Amino acid sequence: MLRRIRLELARTKEFPEGSHAHGYEFVAPLTADGHLDVEAWRANRQVCTVHRFWRGEDDQTGQLVRTRGERWAFSYAPGTEDDEPIHRLEDHRFVEGEYVSIREADGEVRPFVVVQVRRSPGLG
């Protein structure tokens, strides 16, 4: 079933309390136990979108994609090197309180916490 997942920046040196103003919201199909459903992604990849919000920067929108090396990433411009790889996405459970690491476009790997997982109305 497609879910809307919100990630917010977890504790970092720059943000010792984390930040609600820095993160991602994306749509992805999840299994009953909260793992990414790869087959459902293949059937619904066009609606698996991402919205990156970062205080002080323009918002970005893109897609949840698989790279040539079979890695998962957020991509904002297909065919360019802007992908933000998500470390071991297929191993993560997307339930509130879990953590995910993302290598952002600036090369930094940052931790994010899953703060919300909800049904994605109109998408299944």
C-alpha atoms as a PDB file:
ATOM      1  CA  MET A   1       0.000   0.000   0.000  1.00  0.00           C
ATOM      2  CA  LEU A   2       1.325   3.468  -0.861  1.00  0.00           C
ATOM      3  CA  ARG A   3       2.343   5.575   2.108  1.00  0.00           C
ATOM      4  CA  ARG A   4       3.452   9.157   2.578  1.00  0.00           C
ATOM      5  CA  ILE A   5       6.598   9.120   4.716  1.00  0.00           C
ATOM      6  CA  ARG A   6       8.039  12.189   6.447  1.00  0.00           C
ATOM      7  CA  LEU A   7      11.707  12.285   7.432  1.00  0.00           C
ATOM      8  CA  GLU A   8      13.146  15.097   9.513  1.00  0.00           C
ATOM      9  CA  LEU A   9      16.772  15.859  10.245  1.00  0.00           C
ATOM     10  CA  ALA A  10      17.946  13.967  13.320  1.00  0.00           C
ATOM     11  CA  ARG A  11      20.595  15.223  15.737  1.00  0.00           C
ATOM     12  CA  THR A  12      23.729  16.488  14.050  1.00  0.00           C
ATOM     13  CA  LYS A  13      26.634  18.705  15.084  1.00  0.00           C
ATOM     14  CA  GLU A  14      24.947  21.641  13.355  1.00  0.00           C
ATOM     15  CA  PHE A  15      21.487  20.802  14.780  1.00  0.00           C
ATOM     16  CA  PRO A  16      21.982  19.118  18.189  1.00  0.00           C
ATOM     17  CA  GLU A  17      18.212  18.878  18.700  1.00  0.00           C
ATOM     18  CA  GLY A  18      17.474  17.858  15.119  1.00  0.00           C
ATOM     19  CA  SER A  19      15.249  20.039  12.936  1.00  0.00           C
ATOM     20  CA  HIS A  20      11.618  20.013  11.849  1.00  0.00           C
ATOM     21  CA  ALA A  21      12.502  22.515   9.087  1.00  0.00           C
ATOM     22  CA  HIS A  22      14.888  20.190   7.247  1.00  0.00           C
ATOM     23  CA  GLY A  23      13.810  16.939   5.659  1.00  0.00           C
ATOM     24  CA  TYR A  24      11.936  14.941   3.085  1.00  0.00           C
ATOM     25  CA  GLU A  25       8.421  13.789   2.437  1.00  0.00           C
ATOM     26  CA  PHE A  26       8.024  10.985  -0.074  1.00  0.00           C
ATOM     27  CA  VAL A  27       5.539   8.426  -1.367  1.00  0.00           C
ATOM     28  CA  ALA A  28       6.505   4.748  -1.445  1.00  0.00           C
ATOM     29  CA  PRO A  29       4.749   1.384  -1.246  1.00  0.00           C
ATOM     30  CA  LEU A  30       5.355  -0.444   2.023  1.00  0.00           C
ATOM     31  CA  THR A  31       4.730  -3.980   3.161  1.00  0.00           C
ATOM     32  CA  ALA A  32       2.606  -4.638   6.261  1.00  0.00           C
ATOM     33  CA  ASP A  33       5.748  -4.600   8.427  1.00  0.00           C
ATOM     34  CA  GLY A  34       6.988  -1.251   7.024  1.00  0.00           C
ATOM     35  CA  HIS A  35       9.606  -2.365   4.474  1.00  0.00           C
ATOM     36  CA  LEU A  36       9.779  -1.010   0.942  1.00  0.00           C
ATOM     37  CA  ASP A  37       7.741  -3.181  -1.430  1.00  0.00           C
ATOM     38  CA  VAL A  38       9.999  -3.342  -4.506  1.00  0.00           C
ATOM     39  CA  GLU A  39       7.454  -5.015  -6.794  1.00  0.00           C
ATOM     40  CA  ALA A  40       4.779  -2.466  -5.888  1.00  0.00           C
ATOM     41  CA  TRP A  41       7.328   0.320  -6.519  1.00  0.00           C
ATOM     42  CA  ARG A  42       7.965  -1.065 -10.011  1.00  0.00           C
ATOM     43  CA  ALA A  43       4.215  -0.960 -10.719  1.00  0.00           C
ATOM     44  CA  ASN A  44       3.775   2.544  -9.226  1.00  0.00           C
ATOM     45  CA  ARG A  45       7.106   4.299  -9.735  1.00  0.00           C
ATOM     46  CA  GLN A  46       5.475   7.310 -11.451  1.00  0.00           C
ATOM     47  CA  VAL A  47       3.674   8.266  -8.202  1.00  0.00           C
ATOM     48  CA  CYS A  48       6.673   7.611  -5.930  1.00  0.00           C
ATOM     49  CA  THR A  49       7.608  11.254  -5.583  1.00  0.00           C
ATOM     50  CA  VAL A  50       9.815  13.119  -3.115  1.00  0.00           C
ATOM     51  CA  HIS A  51       9.638  16.642  -1.720  1.00  0.00           C
ATOM     52  CA  ARG A  52      12.815  17.991  -0.089  1.00  0.00           C
ATOM     53  CA  PHE A  53      12.338  20.925   2.278  1.00  0.00           C
ATOM     54  CA  TRP A  54      15.303  22.765   3.732  1.00  0.00           C
ATOM     55  CA  ARG A  55      15.017  26.095   5.554  1.00  0.00           C
ATOM     56  CA  GLY A  56      16.812  28.806   3.605  1.00  0.00           C
ATOM     57  CA  GLU A  57      16.743  26.877   0.308  1.00  0.00           C
ATOM     58  CA  ASP A  58      14.177  26.390  -2.430  1.00  0.00           C
ATOM     59  CA  ASP A  59      12.077  23.241  -2.087  1.00  0.00           C
ATOM     60  CA  GLN A  60      12.865  20.444  -4.519  1.00  0.00           C
ATOM     61  CA  THR A  61      10.593  17.785  -5.965  1.00  0.00           C
ATOM     62  CA  GLY A  62      11.604  14.593  -7.696  1.00  0.00           C
ATOM     63  CA  GLN A  63      11.258  10.811  -7.779  1.00  0.00           C
ATOM     64  CA  LEU A  64      12.269   7.785  -5.744  1.00  0.00           C
ATOM     65  CA  VAL A  65      14.523   5.905  -8.201  1.00  0.00           C
ATOM     66  CA  ARG A  66      16.830   2.918  -8.519  1.00  0.00           C
ATOM     67  CA  THR A  67      20.264   3.816  -9.848  1.00  0.00           C
ATOM     68  CA  ARG A  68      22.293   1.734 -12.295  1.00  0.00           C
ATOM     69  CA  GLY A  69      23.989   0.032  -9.364  1.00  0.00           C
ATOM     70  CA  GLU A  70      20.582  -1.048  -8.002  1.00  0.00           C
ATOM     71  CA  ARG A  71      20.775   1.499  -5.191  1.00  0.00           C
ATOM     72  CA  TRP A  72      17.870   3.650  -4.105  1.00  0.00           C
ATOM     73  CA  ALA A  73      18.025   7.424  -4.364  1.00  0.00           C
ATOM     74  CA  PHE A  74      15.992  10.589  -4.532  1.00  0.00           C
ATOM     75  CA  SER A  75      16.438  12.212  -7.941  1.00  0.00           C
ATOM     76  CA  TYR A  76      15.360  15.751  -8.829  1.00  0.00           C
ATOM     77  CA  ALA A  77      16.459  15.836 -12.480  1.00  0.00           C
ATOM     78  CA  PRO A  78      16.556  12.485 -14.299  1.00  0.00           C
ATOM     79  CA  GLY A  79      19.789  11.790 -16.109  1.00  0.00           C
ATOM     80  CA  THR A  80      21.923  14.118 -13.993  1.00  0.00           C
ATOM     81  CA  GLU A  81      24.243  13.499 -11.082  1.00  0.00           C
ATOM     82  CA  ASP A  82      21.927  15.056  -8.483  1.00  0.00           C
ATOM     83  CA  ASP A  83      20.826  11.761  -6.945  1.00  0.00           C
ATOM     84  CA  GLU A  84      20.803  11.511  -3.169  1.00  0.00           C
ATOM     85  CA  PRO A  85      21.495   7.859  -2.288  1.00  0.00           C
ATOM     86  CA  ILE A  86      19.642   6.322   0.642  1.00  0.00           C
ATOM     87  CA  HIS A  87      21.823   3.878   2.534  1.00  0.00           C
ATOM     88  CA  ARG A  88      20.329   0.351   2.494  1.00  0.00           C
ATOM     89  CA  LEU A  89      16.784   1.604   1.871  1.00  0.00           C
ATOM     90  CA  GLU A  90      15.457  -1.896   1.270  1.00  0.00           C
ATOM     91  CA  ASP A  91      16.604  -2.955   4.771  1.00  0.00           C
ATOM     92  CA  HIS A  92      14.883  -0.119   6.622  1.00  0.00           C
ATOM     93  CA  ARG A  93      11.529  -0.332   8.314  1.00  0.00           C
ATOM     94  CA  PHE A  94       9.576   2.851   7.790  1.00  0.00           C
ATOM     95  CA  VAL A  95       7.899   3.187  11.141  1.00  0.00           C
ATOM     96  CA  GLU A  96       7.897   6.254  13.347  1.00  0.00           C
ATOM     97  CA  GLY A  97      11.085   6.616  15.362  1.00  0.00           C
ATOM     98  CA  GLU A  98      13.360   4.672  12.985  1.00  0.00           C
ATOM     99  CA  TYR A  99      16.433   6.333  11.415  1.00  0.00           C
ATOM    100  CA  VAL A 100      17.607   6.582   7.793  1.00  0.00           C
ATOM    101  CA  SER A 101      20.901   7.952   6.405  1.00  0.00           C
ATOM    102  CA  ILE A 102      20.914   9.941   3.167  1.00  0.00           C
ATOM    103  CA  ARG A 103      23.948  11.180   1.224  1.00  0.00           C
ATOM    104  CA  GLU A 104      22.786  14.585   0.090  1.00  0.00           C
ATOM    105  CA  ALA A 105      23.835  16.449  -3.051  1.00  0.00           C
ATOM    106  CA  ASP A 106      26.594  18.269  -1.114  1.00  0.00           C
ATOM    107  CA  GLY A 107      28.214  14.879  -0.341  1.00  0.00           C
ATOM    108  CA  GLU A 108      27.331  14.898   3.359  1.00  0.00           C
ATOM    109  CA  VAL A 109      25.666  11.851   4.875  1.00  0.00           C
ATOM    110  CA  ARG A 110      22.994  13.025   7.285  1.00  0.00           C
ATOM    111  CA  PRO A 111      20.729  11.102   9.660  1.00  0.00           C
ATOM    112  CA  PHE A 112      16.961  11.494   9.431  1.00  0.00           C
ATOM    113  CA  VAL A 113      14.241  10.185  11.694  1.00  0.00           C
ATOM    114  CA  VAL A 114      10.909   8.840  10.438  1.00  0.00           C
ATOM    115  CA  VAL A 115       8.380  11.156  12.076  1.00  0.00           C
ATOM    116  CA  GLN A 116       5.237  10.164  10.198  1.00  0.00           C
ATOM    117  CA  VAL A 117       3.921   7.345   8.012  1.00  0.00           C
ATOM    118  CA  ARG A 118       0.386   7.717   6.722  1.00  0.00           C
ATOM    119  CA  ARG A 119      -1.860   6.539   3.925  1.00  0.00           C
ATOM    120  CA  SER A 120      -1.508   8.470   0.739  1.00  0.00           C
ATOM    121  CA  PRO A 121      -5.107   9.457  -0.169  1.00  0.00           C
ATOM    122  CA  GLY A 122      -6.021   8.841  -3.774  1.00  0.00           C
ATOM    123  CA  LEU A 123      -2.942   6.735  -4.416  1.00  0.00           C
ATOM    124  CA  GLY A 124      -3.994   3.452  -2.890  1.00  0.00           C
END
